[in-house]
Amino acid sequence: MGYEEQHIRDVVIENESSGRKGLDVSVYVSSNHEVIVHLGNSMTIRTDETGALELREMMNDALVALENIRYVETCDVLDELSEKQNPVDSRGEKLCANDPVEW
């Protein structure tokens, strides 16, 4: 059996240098036990299974970091809204507009 490549998947991803058309990414496996990733027409990554696993883990770590950033941003917005909805006076006590004692 000679050298063969098996096509796995094509995808177009957003990329700052590719503009609106995005970046074409194609993935293959070869009969030499390589994972081959074509990034556009200018770059190809050929790696073994260990390298592919490392890339996958690295991308997963990046996605978890993005989720954490979004979570912190969401919490900050919710904290700000909560402070606006529940103001406090100079003594740190909540101001209640509907409290007859405050009228």
PDB file of N, CA and C in Angstrom:
ATOM      1  N   MET A   1       0.842  -1.175   0.000  1.00  0.00           N
ATOM      2  CA  MET A   1       0.000   0.000   0.000  1.00  0.00           C
ATOM      3  C   MET A   1       0.885   1.234   0.000  1.00  0.00           C
ATOM      4  N   GLY A   2       0.664   2.143  -0.917  1.00  0.00           N
ATOM      5  CA  GLY A   2       1.435   3.375  -1.014  1.00  0.00           C
ATOM      6  C   GLY A   2       0.889   4.447  -0.089  1.00  0.00           C
ATOM      7  N   TYR A   3       1.465   5.593  -0.203  1.00  0.00           N
ATOM      8  CA  TYR A   3       1.035   6.737   0.605  1.00  0.00           C
ATOM      9  C   TYR A   3      -0.373   7.165   0.211  1.00  0.00           C
ATOM     10  N   GLU A   4      -1.227   7.364   1.218  1.00  0.00           N
ATOM     11  CA  GLU A   4      -2.591   7.826   0.986  1.00  0.00           C
ATOM     12  C   GLU A   4      -2.965   8.852   2.039  1.00  0.00           C
ATOM     13  N   GLU A   5      -3.861   9.745   1.657  1.00  0.00           N
ATOM     14  CA  GLU A   5      -4.433  10.704   2.598  1.00  0.00           C
ATOM     15  C   GLU A   5      -5.938  10.532   2.607  1.00  0.00           C
ATOM     16  N   GLN A   6      -6.509  10.565   3.805  1.00  0.00           N
ATOM     17  CA  GLN A   6      -7.956  10.479   3.954  1.00  0.00           C
ATOM     18  C   GLN A   6      -8.464  11.838   4.434  1.00  0.00           C
ATOM     19  N   HIS A   7      -9.375  12.406   3.666  1.00  0.00           N
ATOM     20  CA  HIS A   7      -9.944  13.705   4.016  1.00  0.00           C
ATOM     21  C   HIS A   7     -10.880  13.548   5.204  1.00  0.00           C
ATOM     22  N   ILE A   8     -10.729  14.407   6.199  1.00  0.00           N
ATOM     23  CA  ILE A   8     -11.568  14.345   7.390  1.00  0.00           C
ATOM     24  C   ILE A   8     -12.636  15.432   7.372  1.00  0.00           C
ATOM     25  N   ARG A   9     -12.187  16.683   7.171  1.00  0.00           N
ATOM     26  CA  ARG A   9     -13.164  17.774   7.266  1.00  0.00           C
ATOM     27  C   ARG A   9     -12.576  19.072   6.745  1.00  0.00           C
ATOM     28  N   ASP A  10     -13.452  19.919   6.190  1.00  0.00           N
ATOM     29  CA  ASP A  10     -13.104  21.281   5.805  1.00  0.00           C
ATOM     30  C   ASP A  10     -13.961  22.239   6.620  1.00  0.00           C
ATOM     31  N   VAL A  11     -13.378  23.349   6.964  1.00  0.00           N
ATOM     32  CA  VAL A  11     -14.126  24.381   7.679  1.00  0.00           C
ATOM     33  C   VAL A  11     -13.524  25.735   7.317  1.00  0.00           C
ATOM     34  N   VAL A  12     -14.347  26.755   7.363  1.00  0.00           N
ATOM     35  CA  VAL A  12     -13.875  28.126   7.170  1.00  0.00           C
ATOM     36  C   VAL A  12     -14.019  28.822   8.516  1.00  0.00           C
ATOM     37  N   ILE A  13     -12.899  29.359   9.030  1.00  0.00           N
ATOM     38  CA  ILE A  13     -12.927  30.024  10.323  1.00  0.00           C
ATOM     39  C   ILE A  13     -12.636  31.511  10.156  1.00  0.00           C
ATOM     40  N   GLU A  14     -13.137  32.296  11.091  1.00  0.00           N
ATOM     41  CA  GLU A  14     -12.867  33.729  11.100  1.00  0.00           C
ATOM     42  C   GLU A  14     -11.392  33.928  11.408  1.00  0.00           C
ATOM     43  N   ASN A  15     -10.793  34.853  10.682  1.00  0.00           N
ATOM     44  CA  ASN A  15      -9.364  35.106  10.836  1.00  0.00           C
ATOM     45  C   ASN A  15      -9.126  36.570  10.520  1.00  0.00           C
ATOM     46  N   GLU A  16      -8.397  37.264  11.363  1.00  0.00           N
ATOM     47  CA  GLU A  16      -8.217  38.707  11.186  1.00  0.00           C
ATOM     48  C   GLU A  16      -7.545  39.083   9.869  1.00  0.00           C
ATOM     49  N   SER A  17      -6.693  38.237   9.346  1.00  0.00           N
ATOM     50  CA  SER A  17      -5.988  38.596   8.115  1.00  0.00           C
ATOM     51  C   SER A  17      -6.692  38.122   6.845  1.00  0.00           C
ATOM     52  N   SER A  18      -7.739  37.315   6.983  1.00  0.00           N
ATOM     53  CA  SER A  18      -8.438  36.797   5.801  1.00  0.00           C
ATOM     54  C   SER A  18      -9.647  37.622   5.414  1.00  0.00           C
ATOM     55  N   GLY A  19     -10.004  38.573   6.240  1.00  0.00           N
ATOM     56  CA  GLY A  19     -11.157  39.407   5.929  1.00  0.00           C
ATOM     57  C   GLY A  19     -12.459  38.635   6.023  1.00  0.00           C
ATOM     58  N   ARG A  20     -13.436  39.056   5.230  1.00  0.00           N
ATOM     59  CA  ARG A  20     -14.779  38.460   5.292  1.00  0.00           C
ATOM     60  C   ARG A  20     -14.828  37.029   4.810  1.00  0.00           C
ATOM     61  N   LYS A  21     -13.919  36.655   3.927  1.00  0.00           N
ATOM     62  CA  LYS A  21     -13.994  35.305   3.367  1.00  0.00           C
ATOM     63  C   LYS A  21     -13.527  34.235   4.349  1.00  0.00           C
ATOM     64  N   GLY A  22     -12.798  34.600   5.382  1.00  0.00           N
ATOM     65  CA  GLY A  22     -12.332  33.649   6.378  1.00  0.00           C
ATOM     66  C   GLY A  22     -11.129  32.850   5.900  1.00  0.00           C
ATOM     67  N   LEU A  23     -10.728  31.903   6.716  1.00  0.00           N
ATOM     68  CA  LEU A  23      -9.571  31.065   6.433  1.00  0.00           C
ATOM     69  C   LEU A  23     -10.040  29.630   6.223  1.00  0.00           C
ATOM     70  N   ASP A  24      -9.671  29.055   5.092  1.00  0.00           N
ATOM     71  CA  ASP A  24     -10.005  27.660   4.814  1.00  0.00           C
ATOM     72  C   ASP A  24      -9.074  26.749   5.601  1.00  0.00           C
ATOM     73  N   VAL A  25      -9.657  25.825   6.355  1.00  0.00           N
ATOM     74  CA  VAL A  25      -8.883  24.847   7.117  1.00  0.00           C
ATOM     75  C   VAL A  25      -9.354  23.465   6.681  1.00  0.00           C
ATOM     76  N   SER A  26      -8.409  22.637   6.289  1.00  0.00           N
ATOM     77  CA  SER A  26      -8.718  21.265   5.876  1.00  0.00           C
ATOM     78  C   SER A  26      -7.884  20.308   6.709  1.00  0.00           C
ATOM     79  N   VAL A  27      -8.492  19.204   7.117  1.00  0.00           N
ATOM     80  CA  VAL A  27      -7.792  18.213   7.935  1.00  0.00           C
ATOM     81  C   VAL A  27      -7.834  16.862   7.231  1.00  0.00           C
ATOM     82  N   TYR A  28      -6.683  16.215   7.232  1.00  0.00           N
ATOM     83  CA  TYR A  28      -6.516  14.890   6.633  1.00  0.00           C
ATOM     84  C   TYR A  28      -5.729  14.016   7.607  1.00  0.00           C
ATOM     85  N   VAL A  29      -5.807  12.717   7.416  1.00  0.00           N
ATOM     86  CA  VAL A  29      -4.880  11.779   8.051  1.00  0.00           C
ATOM     87  C   VAL A  29      -4.188  11.013   6.929  1.00  0.00           C
ATOM     88  N   SER A  30      -2.948  10.620   7.197  1.00  0.00           N
ATOM     89  CA  SER A  30      -2.186   9.936   6.157  1.00  0.00           C
ATOM     90  C   SER A  30      -1.870   8.504   6.562  1.00  0.00           C
ATOM     91  N   SER A  31      -1.490   7.724   5.576  1.00  0.00           N
ATOM     92  CA  SER A  31      -1.094   6.347   5.836  1.00  0.00           C
ATOM     93  C   SER A  31       0.244   6.289   6.583  1.00  0.00           C
ATOM     94  N   ASN A  32       0.915   7.432   6.738  1.00  0.00           N
ATOM     95  CA  ASN A  32       2.141   7.525   7.549  1.00  0.00           C
ATOM     96  C   ASN A  32       1.817   7.863   9.004  1.00  0.00           C
ATOM     97  N   HIS A  33       0.556   7.746   9.385  1.00  0.00           N
ATOM     98  CA  HIS A  33       0.094   8.017  10.750  1.00  0.00           C
ATOM     99  C   HIS A  33       0.305   9.472  11.137  1.00  0.00           C
ATOM    100  N   GLU A  34       0.048  10.377  10.201  1.00  0.00           N
ATOM    101  CA  GLU A  34       0.166  11.801  10.452  1.00  0.00           C
ATOM    102  C   GLU A  34      -1.220  12.437  10.402  1.00  0.00           C
ATOM    103  N   VAL A  35      -1.368  13.503  11.176  1.00  0.00           N
ATOM    104  CA  VAL A  35      -2.511  14.391  11.037  1.00  0.00           C
ATOM    105  C   VAL A  35      -1.998  15.586  10.253  1.00  0.00           C
ATOM    106  N   ILE A  36      -2.705  15.930   9.186  1.00  0.00           N
ATOM    107  CA  ILE A  36      -2.276  17.016   8.314  1.00  0.00           C
ATOM    108  C   ILE A  36      -3.344  18.101   8.346  1.00  0.00           C
ATOM    109  N   VAL A  37      -2.925  19.306   8.702  1.00  0.00           N
ATOM    110  CA  VAL A  37      -3.832  20.446   8.772  1.00  0.00           C
ATOM    111  C   VAL A  37      -3.350  21.482   7.778  1.00  0.00           C
ATOM    112  N   HIS A  38      -4.178  21.778   6.785  1.00  0.00           N
ATOM    113  CA  HIS A  38      -3.872  22.828   5.810  1.00  0.00           C
ATOM    114  C   HIS A  38      -4.571  24.102   6.267  1.00  0.00           C
ATOM    115  N   LEU A  39      -3.792  25.155   6.485  1.00  0.00           N
ATOM    116  CA  LEU A  39      -4.338  26.459   6.865  1.00  0.00           C
ATOM    117  C   LEU A  39      -4.225  27.373   5.660  1.00  0.00           C
ATOM    118  N   GLY A  40      -5.329  27.542   4.956  1.00  0.00           N
ATOM    119  CA  GLY A  40      -5.290  28.316   3.725  1.00  0.00           C
ATOM    120  C   GLY A  40      -4.376  27.644   2.721  1.00  0.00           C
ATOM    121  N   ASN A  41      -3.769  28.451   1.859  1.00  0.00           N
ATOM    122  CA  ASN A  41      -2.849  27.928   0.855  1.00  0.00           C
ATOM    123  C   ASN A  41      -1.398  28.080   1.260  1.00  0.00           C
ATOM    124  N   SER A  42      -1.156  28.659   2.441  1.00  0.00           N
ATOM    125  CA  SER A  42       0.218  29.022   2.769  1.00  0.00           C
ATOM    126  C   SER A  42       0.864  28.222   3.892  1.00  0.00           C
ATOM    127  N   MET A  43       0.084  27.451   4.648  1.00  0.00           N
ATOM    128  CA  MET A  43       0.694  26.747   5.778  1.00  0.00           C
ATOM    129  C   MET A  43       0.089  25.365   5.946  1.00  0.00           C
ATOM    130  N   THR A  44       0.939  24.398   6.227  1.00  0.00           N
ATOM    131  CA  THR A  44       0.508  23.034   6.503  1.00  0.00           C
ATOM    132  C   THR A  44       1.203  22.548   7.759  1.00  0.00           C
ATOM    133  N   ILE A  45       0.434  21.945   8.642  1.00  0.00           N
ATOM    134  CA  ILE A  45       0.981  21.335   9.856  1.00  0.00           C
ATOM    135  C   ILE A  45       0.867  19.826   9.680  1.00  0.00           C
ATOM    136  N   ARG A  46       1.992  19.146   9.808  1.00  0.00           N
ATOM    137  CA  ARG A  46       2.007  17.677   9.799  1.00  0.00           C
ATOM    138  C   ARG A  46       2.521  17.241  11.164  1.00  0.00           C
ATOM    139  N   THR A  47       1.707  16.481  11.864  1.00  0.00           N
ATOM    140  CA  THR A  47       2.098  16.067  13.205  1.00  0.00           C
ATOM    141  C   THR A  47       1.610  14.653  13.469  1.00  0.00           C
ATOM    142  N   ASP A  48       2.155  14.072  14.503  1.00  0.00           N
ATOM    143  CA  ASP A  48       1.723  12.725  14.887  1.00  0.00           C
ATOM    144  C   ASP A  48       0.512  12.832  15.823  1.00  0.00           C
ATOM    145  N   GLU A  49       0.061  11.697  16.301  1.00  0.00           N
ATOM    146  CA  GLU A  49      -1.114  11.664  17.161  1.00  0.00           C
ATOM    147  C   GLU A  49      -0.908  12.474  18.436  1.00  0.00           C
ATOM    148  N   THR A  50       0.283  12.398  19.002  1.00  0.00           N
ATOM    149  CA  THR A  50       0.577  13.152  20.223  1.00  0.00           C
ATOM    150  C   THR A  50       0.470  14.651  19.970  1.00  0.00           C
ATOM    151  N   GLY A  51       1.017  15.107  18.853  1.00  0.00           N
ATOM    152  CA  GLY A  51       0.921  16.518  18.504  1.00  0.00           C
ATOM    153  C   GLY A  51      -0.512  16.959  18.295  1.00  0.00           C
ATOM    154  N   ALA A  52      -1.310  16.114  17.657  1.00  0.00           N
ATOM    155  CA  ALA A  52      -2.724  16.429  17.430  1.00  0.00           C
ATOM    156  C   ALA A  52      -3.463  16.530  18.762  1.00  0.00           C
ATOM    157  N   LEU A  53      -3.156  15.615  19.682  1.00  0.00           N
ATOM    158  CA  LEU A  53      -3.780  15.668  21.008  1.00  0.00           C
ATOM    159  C   LEU A  53      -3.381  16.941  21.751  1.00  0.00           C
ATOM    160  N   GLU A  54      -2.120  17.337  21.633  1.00  0.00           N
ATOM    161  CA  GLU A  54      -1.654  18.566  22.281  1.00  0.00           C
ATOM    162  C   GLU A  54      -2.358  19.785  21.704  1.00  0.00           C
ATOM    163  N   LEU A  55      -2.528  19.817  20.387  1.00  0.00           N
ATOM    164  CA  LEU A  55      -3.253  20.925  19.753  1.00  0.00           C
ATOM    165  C   LEU A  55      -4.693  20.979  20.246  1.00  0.00           C
ATOM    166  N   ARG A  56      -5.328  19.809  20.333  1.00  0.00           N
ATOM    167  CA  ARG A  56      -6.711  19.754  20.809  1.00  0.00           C
ATOM    168  C   ARG A  56      -6.816  20.271  22.238  1.00  0.00           C
ATOM    169  N   GLU A  57      -5.912  19.827  23.101  1.00  0.00           N
ATOM    170  CA  GLU A  57      -5.927  20.269  24.495  1.00  0.00           C
ATOM    171  C   GLU A  57      -5.671  21.767  24.608  1.00  0.00           C
ATOM    172  N   MET A  58      -4.743  22.271  23.792  1.00  0.00           N
ATOM    173  CA  MET A  58      -4.426  23.684  23.811  1.00  0.00           C
ATOM    174  C   MET A  58      -5.645  24.510  23.382  1.00  0.00           C
ATOM    175  N   MET A  59      -6.336  24.081  22.346  1.00  0.00           N
ATOM    176  CA  MET A  59      -7.530  24.792  21.888  1.00  0.00           C
ATOM    177  C   MET A  59      -8.639  24.717  22.941  1.00  0.00           C
ATOM    178  N   ASN A  60      -8.778  23.577  23.594  1.00  0.00           N
ATOM    179  CA  ASN A  60      -9.761  23.448  24.665  1.00  0.00           C
ATOM    180  C   ASN A  60      -9.432  24.406  25.804  1.00  0.00           C
ATOM    181  N   ASP A  61      -8.155  24.498  26.190  1.00  0.00           N
ATOM    182  CA  ASP A  61      -7.748  25.427  27.244  1.00  0.00           C
ATOM    183  C   ASP A  61      -8.089  26.869  26.859  1.00  0.00           C
ATOM    184  N   ALA A  62      -7.890  27.210  25.597  1.00  0.00           N
ATOM    185  CA  ALA A  62      -8.212  28.558  25.126  1.00  0.00           C
ATOM    186  C   ALA A  62      -9.718  28.813  25.219  1.00  0.00           C
ATOM    187  N   LEU A  63     -10.526  27.824  24.866  1.00  0.00           N
ATOM    188  CA  LEU A  63     -11.983  27.981  24.948  1.00  0.00           C
ATOM    189  C   LEU A  63     -12.451  28.130  26.389  1.00  0.00           C
ATOM    190  N   VAL A  64     -11.849  27.394  27.306  1.00  0.00           N
ATOM    191  CA  VAL A  64     -12.190  27.527  28.726  1.00  0.00           C
ATOM    192  C   VAL A  64     -11.821  28.929  29.212  1.00  0.00           C
ATOM    193  N   ALA A  65     -10.670  29.441  28.793  1.00  0.00           N
ATOM    194  CA  ALA A  65     -10.260  30.796  29.185  1.00  0.00           C
ATOM    195  C   ALA A  65     -11.245  31.838  28.646  1.00  0.00           C
ATOM    196  N   LEU A  66     -11.721  31.662  27.402  1.00  0.00           N
ATOM    197  CA  LEU A  66     -12.719  32.579  26.849  1.00  0.00           C
ATOM    198  C   LEU A  66     -14.024  32.523  27.644  1.00  0.00           C
ATOM    199  N   GLU A  67     -14.438  31.332  28.031  1.00  0.00           N
ATOM    200  CA  GLU A  67     -15.648  31.189  28.843  1.00  0.00           C
ATOM    201  C   GLU A  67     -15.484  31.918  30.169  1.00  0.00           C
ATOM    202  N   ASN A  68     -14.311  31.814  30.780  1.00  0.00           N
ATOM    203  CA  ASN A  68     -14.053  32.493  32.053  1.00  0.00           C
ATOM    204  C   ASN A  68     -14.096  34.006  31.889  1.00  0.00           C
ATOM    205  N   ILE A  69     -13.534  34.513  30.794  1.00  0.00           N
ATOM    206  CA  ILE A  69     -13.576  35.955  30.527  1.00  0.00           C
ATOM    207  C   ILE A  69     -15.023  36.413  30.400  1.00  0.00           C
ATOM    208  N   ARG A  70     -15.825  35.680  29.616  1.00  0.00           N
ATOM    209  CA  ARG A  70     -17.235  36.035  29.445  1.00  0.00           C
ATOM    210  C   ARG A  70     -17.988  35.982  30.770  1.00  0.00           C
ATOM    211  N   TYR A  71     -17.685  34.989  31.591  1.00  0.00           N
ATOM    212  CA  TYR A  71     -18.354  34.848  32.887  1.00  0.00           C
ATOM    213  C   TYR A  71     -18.059  36.054  33.775  1.00  0.00           C
ATOM    214  N   VAL A  72     -16.797  36.452  33.849  1.00  0.00           N
ATOM    215  CA  VAL A  72     -16.408  37.604  34.678  1.00  0.00           C
ATOM    216  C   VAL A  72     -17.081  38.870  34.154  1.00  0.00           C
ATOM    217  N   GLU A  73     -17.097  39.049  32.834  1.00  0.00           N
ATOM    218  CA  GLU A  73     -17.755  40.228  32.251  1.00  0.00           C
ATOM    219  C   GLU A  73     -19.243  40.243  32.577  1.00  0.00           C
ATOM    220  N   THR A  74     -19.898  39.094  32.483  1.00  0.00           N
ATOM    221  CA  THR A  74     -21.321  39.004  32.796  1.00  0.00           C
ATOM    222  C   THR A  74     -21.573  39.309  34.261  1.00  0.00           C
ATOM    223  N   CYS A  75     -20.745  38.772  35.144  1.00  0.00           N
ATOM    224  CA  CYS A  75     -20.894  39.035  36.583  1.00  0.00           C
ATOM    225  C   CYS A  75     -20.708  40.520  36.881  1.00  0.00           C
ATOM    226  N   ASP A  76     -19.749  41.160  36.226  1.00  0.00           N
ATOM    227  CA  ASP A  76     -19.527  42.589  36.427  1.00  0.00           C
ATOM    228  C   ASP A  76     -20.753  43.399  36.016  1.00  0.00           C
ATOM    229  N   VAL A  77     -21.355  43.058  34.875  1.00  0.00           N
ATOM    230  CA  VAL A  77     -22.554  43.757  34.408  1.00  0.00           C
ATOM    231  C   VAL A  77     -23.703  43.535  35.384  1.00  0.00           C
ATOM    232  N   LEU A  78     -23.883  42.295  35.839  1.00  0.00           N
ATOM    233  CA  LEU A  78     -24.971  42.004  36.778  1.00  0.00           C
ATOM    234  C   LEU A  78     -24.760  42.704  38.112  1.00  0.00           C
ATOM    235  N   ASP A  79     -23.515  42.780  38.583  1.00  0.00           N
ATOM    236  CA  ASP A  79     -23.225  43.502  39.826  1.00  0.00           C
ATOM    237  C   ASP A  79     -23.567  44.983  39.681  1.00  0.00           C
ATOM    238  N   GLU A  80     -23.218  45.562  38.525  1.00  0.00           N
ATOM    239  CA  GLU A  80     -23.506  46.974  38.272  1.00  0.00           C
ATOM    240  C   GLU A  80     -25.014  47.217  38.240  1.00  0.00           C
ATOM    241  N   LEU A  81     -25.746  46.336  37.569  1.00  0.00           N
ATOM    242  CA  LEU A  81     -27.203  46.471  37.522  1.00  0.00           C
ATOM    243  C   LEU A  81     -27.816  46.322  38.904  1.00  0.00           C
ATOM    244  N   SER A  82     -27.308  45.393  39.688  1.00  0.00           N
ATOM    245  CA  SER A  82     -27.816  45.170  41.037  1.00  0.00           C
ATOM    246  C   SER A  82     -27.586  46.400  41.904  1.00  0.00           C
ATOM    247  N   GLU A  83     -26.414  47.030  41.762  1.00  0.00           N
ATOM    248  CA  GLU A  83     -26.123  48.239  42.537  1.00  0.00           C
ATOM    249  C   GLU A  83     -27.053  49.376  42.136  1.00  0.00           C
ATOM    250  N   LYS A  84     -27.396  49.474  40.849  1.00  0.00           N
ATOM    251  CA  LYS A  84     -28.320  50.517  40.395  1.00  0.00           C
ATOM    252  C   LYS A  84     -29.731  50.252  40.898  1.00  0.00           C
ATOM    253  N   GLN A  85     -30.123  48.983  40.932  1.00  0.00           N
ATOM    254  CA  GLN A  85     -31.469  48.624  41.378  1.00  0.00           C
ATOM    255  C   GLN A  85     -31.610  48.680  42.896  1.00  0.00           C
ATOM    256  N   ASN A  86     -30.500  48.515  43.606  1.00  0.00           N
ATOM    257  CA  ASN A  86     -30.522  48.469  45.066  1.00  0.00           C
ATOM    258  C   ASN A  86     -29.482  49.439  45.628  1.00  0.00           C
ATOM    259  N   PRO A  87     -29.723  50.744  45.492  1.00  0.00           N
ATOM    260  CA  PRO A  87     -28.720  51.714  45.949  1.00  0.00           C
ATOM    261  C   PRO A  87     -28.578  51.687  47.469  1.00  0.00           C
ATOM    262  N   VAL A  88     -27.444  52.148  47.938  1.00  0.00           N
ATOM    263  CA  VAL A  88     -27.176  52.229  49.379  1.00  0.00           C
ATOM    264  C   VAL A  88     -26.851  53.677  49.731  1.00  0.00           C
ATOM    265  N   ASP A  89     -27.145  54.052  50.975  1.00  0.00           N
ATOM    266  CA  ASP A  89     -26.829  55.408  51.421  1.00  0.00           C
ATOM    267  C   ASP A  89     -25.399  55.458  51.938  1.00  0.00           C
ATOM    268  N   SER A  90     -25.013  56.598  52.469  1.00  0.00           N
ATOM    269  CA  SER A  90     -23.627  56.773  52.931  1.00  0.00           C
ATOM    270  C   SER A  90     -23.275  55.860  54.099  1.00  0.00           C
ATOM    271  N   ARG A  91     -24.283  55.358  54.809  1.00  0.00           N
ATOM    272  CA  ARG A  91     -24.036  54.431  55.927  1.00  0.00           C
ATOM    273  C   ARG A  91     -23.937  52.987  55.456  1.00  0.00           C
ATOM    274  N   GLY A  92     -24.168  52.767  54.140  1.00  0.00           N
ATOM    275  CA  GLY A  92     -24.102  51.415  53.603  1.00  0.00           C
ATOM    276  C   GLY A  92     -25.414  50.670  53.698  1.00  0.00           C
ATOM    277  N   GLU A  93     -26.482  51.400  54.074  1.00  0.00           N
ATOM    278  CA  GLU A  93     -27.791  50.763  54.172  1.00  0.00           C
ATOM    279  C   GLU A  93     -28.547  50.936  52.860  1.00  0.00           C
ATOM    280  N   LYS A  94     -29.326  49.930  52.517  1.00  0.00           N
ATOM    281  CA  LYS A  94     -30.091  49.986  51.271  1.00  0.00           C
ATOM    282  C   LYS A  94     -31.150  51.080  51.345  1.00  0.00           C
ATOM    283  N   LEU A  95     -31.273  51.814  50.246  1.00  0.00           N
ATOM    284  CA  LEU A  95     -32.317  52.820  50.137  1.00  0.00           C
ATOM    285  C   LEU A  95     -33.521  52.166  49.469  1.00  0.00           C
ATOM    286  N   CYS A  96     -34.669  52.277  50.090  1.00  0.00           N
ATOM    287  CA  CYS A  96     -35.886  51.689  49.549  1.00  0.00           C
ATOM    288  C   CYS A  96     -36.876  52.790  49.250  1.00  0.00           C
ATOM    289  N   ALA A  97     -37.095  53.056  47.970  1.00  0.00           N
ATOM    290  CA  ALA A  97     -38.001  54.137  47.573  1.00  0.00           C
ATOM    291  C   ALA A  97     -39.424  53.882  48.025  1.00  0.00           C
ATOM    292  N   ASN A  98     -39.806  52.661  48.229  1.00  0.00           N
ATOM    293  CA  ASN A  98     -41.182  52.331  48.633  1.00  0.00           C
ATOM    294  C   ASN A  98     -41.333  52.205  50.138  1.00  0.00           C
ATOM    295  N   ASP A  99     -40.312  52.539  50.889  1.00  0.00           N
ATOM    296  CA  ASP A  99     -40.373  52.445  52.346  1.00  0.00           C
ATOM    297  C   ASP A  99     -40.988  53.723  52.892  1.00  0.00           C
ATOM    298  N   PRO A 100     -42.181  53.632  53.544  1.00  0.00           N
ATOM    299  CA  PRO A 100     -42.858  54.850  54.050  1.00  0.00           C
ATOM    300  C   PRO A 100     -42.021  55.588  55.088  1.00  0.00           C
ATOM    301  N   VAL A 101     -41.109  54.937  55.769  1.00  0.00           N
ATOM    302  CA  VAL A 101     -40.261  55.603  56.760  1.00  0.00           C
ATOM    303  C   VAL A 101     -39.368  56.639  56.065  1.00  0.00           C
ATOM    304  N   GLU A 102     -39.021  56.408  54.818  1.00  0.00           N
ATOM    305  CA  GLU A 102     -38.150  57.296  54.063  1.00  0.00           C
ATOM    306  C   GLU A 102     -38.906  58.449  53.404  1.00  0.00           C
ATOM    307  N   TRP A 103     -40.257  58.468  53.502  1.00  0.00           N
ATOM    308  CA  TRP A 103     -41.037  59.509  52.822  1.00  0.00           C
ATOM    309  C   TRP A 103     -40.954  60.786  53.553  1.00  0.00           C
TER     310      TRP A 103
END
